[in-house]
Amino acid sequence: MVDDHFLTLEQVAELLHVSTKTVFNMTRDGRLPARRLPGSRRYLYVRQEILDLLDQHRTDTPSDAEEPADIDAQR
């Protein structure tokens, strides 16, 4: 079984559908949580933290999908 607890910068870029440079900039700006390996320049990302961040910024929530149906019912 592969341990997928941590993601690399490249894996996060693929998950978010952005470039690696964008992920690096978001990490440097503090918009993405990351860990640095001691004595290394590489970042590691906790998979669940990235998924939680995506959920927080999701725009297609079920309540949004139900709202247009309610508007049509009122007409």
C-alpha atoms as a PDB file:
ATOM      1  CA  MET A   1       0.000   0.000   0.000  1.00  0.00           C
ATOM      2  CA  VAL A   2       1.387   3.396  -0.977  1.00  0.00           C
ATOM      3  CA  ASP A   3       1.428   6.039   1.742  1.00  0.00           C
ATOM      4  CA  ASP A   4      -0.344   9.032   0.184  1.00  0.00           C
ATOM      5  CA  HIS A   5      -0.416  11.107   3.368  1.00  0.00           C
ATOM      6  CA  PHE A   6       1.998  13.624   1.836  1.00  0.00           C
ATOM      7  CA  LEU A   7       1.911  15.163  -1.642  1.00  0.00           C
ATOM      8  CA  THR A   8       4.733  16.762  -3.579  1.00  0.00           C
ATOM      9  CA  LEU A   9       4.502  20.196  -5.166  1.00  0.00           C
ATOM     10  CA  GLU A  10       3.970  18.528  -8.531  1.00  0.00           C
ATOM     11  CA  GLN A  11       1.134  16.358  -7.208  1.00  0.00           C
ATOM     12  CA  VAL A  12      -0.616  19.381  -5.673  1.00  0.00           C
ATOM     13  CA  ALA A  13      -0.297  21.247  -8.981  1.00  0.00           C
ATOM     14  CA  GLU A  14      -1.956  18.330 -10.772  1.00  0.00           C
ATOM     15  CA  LEU A  15      -4.702  18.093  -8.131  1.00  0.00           C
ATOM     16  CA  LEU A  16      -5.470  21.822  -8.361  1.00  0.00           C
ATOM     17  CA  HIS A  17      -5.071  21.954 -12.163  1.00  0.00           C
ATOM     18  CA  VAL A  18      -2.494  24.750 -11.943  1.00  0.00           C
ATOM     19  CA  SER A  19       1.208  25.068 -12.703  1.00  0.00           C
ATOM     20  CA  THR A  20       3.929  24.152 -10.241  1.00  0.00           C
ATOM     21  CA  LYS A  21       4.968  27.807 -10.185  1.00  0.00           C
ATOM     22  CA  THR A  22       1.442  28.766  -9.050  1.00  0.00           C
ATOM     23  CA  VAL A  23       1.570  26.188  -6.239  1.00  0.00           C
ATOM     24  CA  PHE A  24       4.992  27.479  -5.188  1.00  0.00           C
ATOM     25  CA  ASN A  25       3.754  31.076  -5.138  1.00  0.00           C
ATOM     26  CA  MET A  26       0.621  30.111  -3.198  1.00  0.00           C
ATOM     27  CA  THR A  27       2.797  28.264  -0.682  1.00  0.00           C
ATOM     28  CA  ARG A  28       5.212  31.156  -0.309  1.00  0.00           C
ATOM     29  CA  ASP A  29       2.287  33.584   0.177  1.00  0.00           C
ATOM     30  CA  GLY A  30       0.766  31.333   2.858  1.00  0.00           C
ATOM     31  CA  ARG A  31      -2.339  30.417   0.865  1.00  0.00           C
ATOM     32  CA  LEU A  32      -1.382  26.721   0.866  1.00  0.00           C
ATOM     33  CA  PRO A  33      -0.210  24.911   4.003  1.00  0.00           C
ATOM     34  CA  ALA A  34       3.084  23.075   3.516  1.00  0.00           C
ATOM     35  CA  ARG A  35       5.935  21.471   5.435  1.00  0.00           C
ATOM     36  CA  ARG A  36       9.639  21.800   4.728  1.00  0.00           C
ATOM     37  CA  LEU A  37      11.951  18.874   5.168  1.00  0.00           C
ATOM     38  CA  PRO A  38      14.859  19.757   7.487  1.00  0.00           C
ATOM     39  CA  GLY A  39      17.921  20.617   5.440  1.00  0.00           C
ATOM     40  CA  SER A  40      15.938  20.580   2.210  1.00  0.00           C
ATOM     41  CA  ARG A  41      14.362  23.097  -0.107  1.00  0.00           C
ATOM     42  CA  ARG A  42      11.458  20.786  -0.969  1.00  0.00           C
ATOM     43  CA  TYR A  43       7.942  21.320   0.292  1.00  0.00           C
ATOM     44  CA  LEU A  44       5.601  18.533   1.283  1.00  0.00           C
ATOM     45  CA  TYR A  45       1.855  19.007   1.541  1.00  0.00           C
ATOM     46  CA  VAL A  46      -0.479  17.063   3.825  1.00  0.00           C
ATOM     47  CA  ARG A  47      -3.067  15.542   1.510  1.00  0.00           C
ATOM     48  CA  GLN A  48      -6.007  16.036   3.873  1.00  0.00           C
ATOM     49  CA  GLU A  49      -5.137  19.720   4.448  1.00  0.00           C
ATOM     50  CA  ILE A  50      -5.229  20.354   0.699  1.00  0.00           C
ATOM     51  CA  LEU A  51      -8.541  18.490   0.333  1.00  0.00           C
ATOM     52  CA  ASP A  52     -10.023  20.423   3.280  1.00  0.00           C
ATOM     53  CA  LEU A  53      -8.901  23.688   1.697  1.00  0.00           C
ATOM     54  CA  LEU A  54     -10.599  22.698  -1.558  1.00  0.00           C
ATOM     55  CA  ASP A  55     -13.812  21.899   0.317  1.00  0.00           C
ATOM     56  CA  GLN A  56     -13.750  25.313   2.022  1.00  0.00           C
ATOM     57  CA  HIS A  57     -13.553  27.081  -1.336  1.00  0.00           C
ATOM     58  CA  ARG A  58     -15.983  24.857  -3.226  1.00  0.00           C
ATOM     59  CA  THR A  59     -18.588  26.810  -5.184  1.00  0.00           C
ATOM     60  CA  ASP A  60     -20.828  23.942  -6.284  1.00  0.00           C
ATOM     61  CA  THR A  61     -22.340  23.058  -2.904  1.00  0.00           C
ATOM     62  CA  PRO A  62     -25.595  21.068  -2.773  1.00  0.00           C
ATOM     63  CA  SER A  63     -27.455  24.055  -1.296  1.00  0.00           C
ATOM     64  CA  ASP A  64     -26.481  26.106  -4.366  1.00  0.00           C
ATOM     65  CA  ALA A  65     -27.828  23.390  -6.646  1.00  0.00           C
ATOM     66  CA  GLU A  66     -31.184  23.374  -4.844  1.00  0.00           C
ATOM     67  CA  GLU A  67     -31.606  27.163  -4.897  1.00  0.00           C
ATOM     68  CA  PRO A  68     -32.636  27.527  -8.587  1.00  0.00           C
ATOM     69  CA  ALA A  69     -35.323  24.861  -8.116  1.00  0.00           C
ATOM     70  CA  ASP A  70     -36.763  26.872  -5.230  1.00  0.00           C
ATOM     71  CA  ILE A  71     -36.817  30.022  -7.358  1.00  0.00           C
ATOM     72  CA  ASP A  72     -38.684  28.202 -10.137  1.00  0.00           C
ATOM     73  CA  ALA A  73     -41.220  26.852  -7.626  1.00  0.00           C
ATOM     74  CA  GLN A  74     -41.994  30.398  -6.436  1.00  0.00           C
ATOM     75  CA  ARG A  75     -42.840  31.636  -9.956  1.00  0.00           C
END
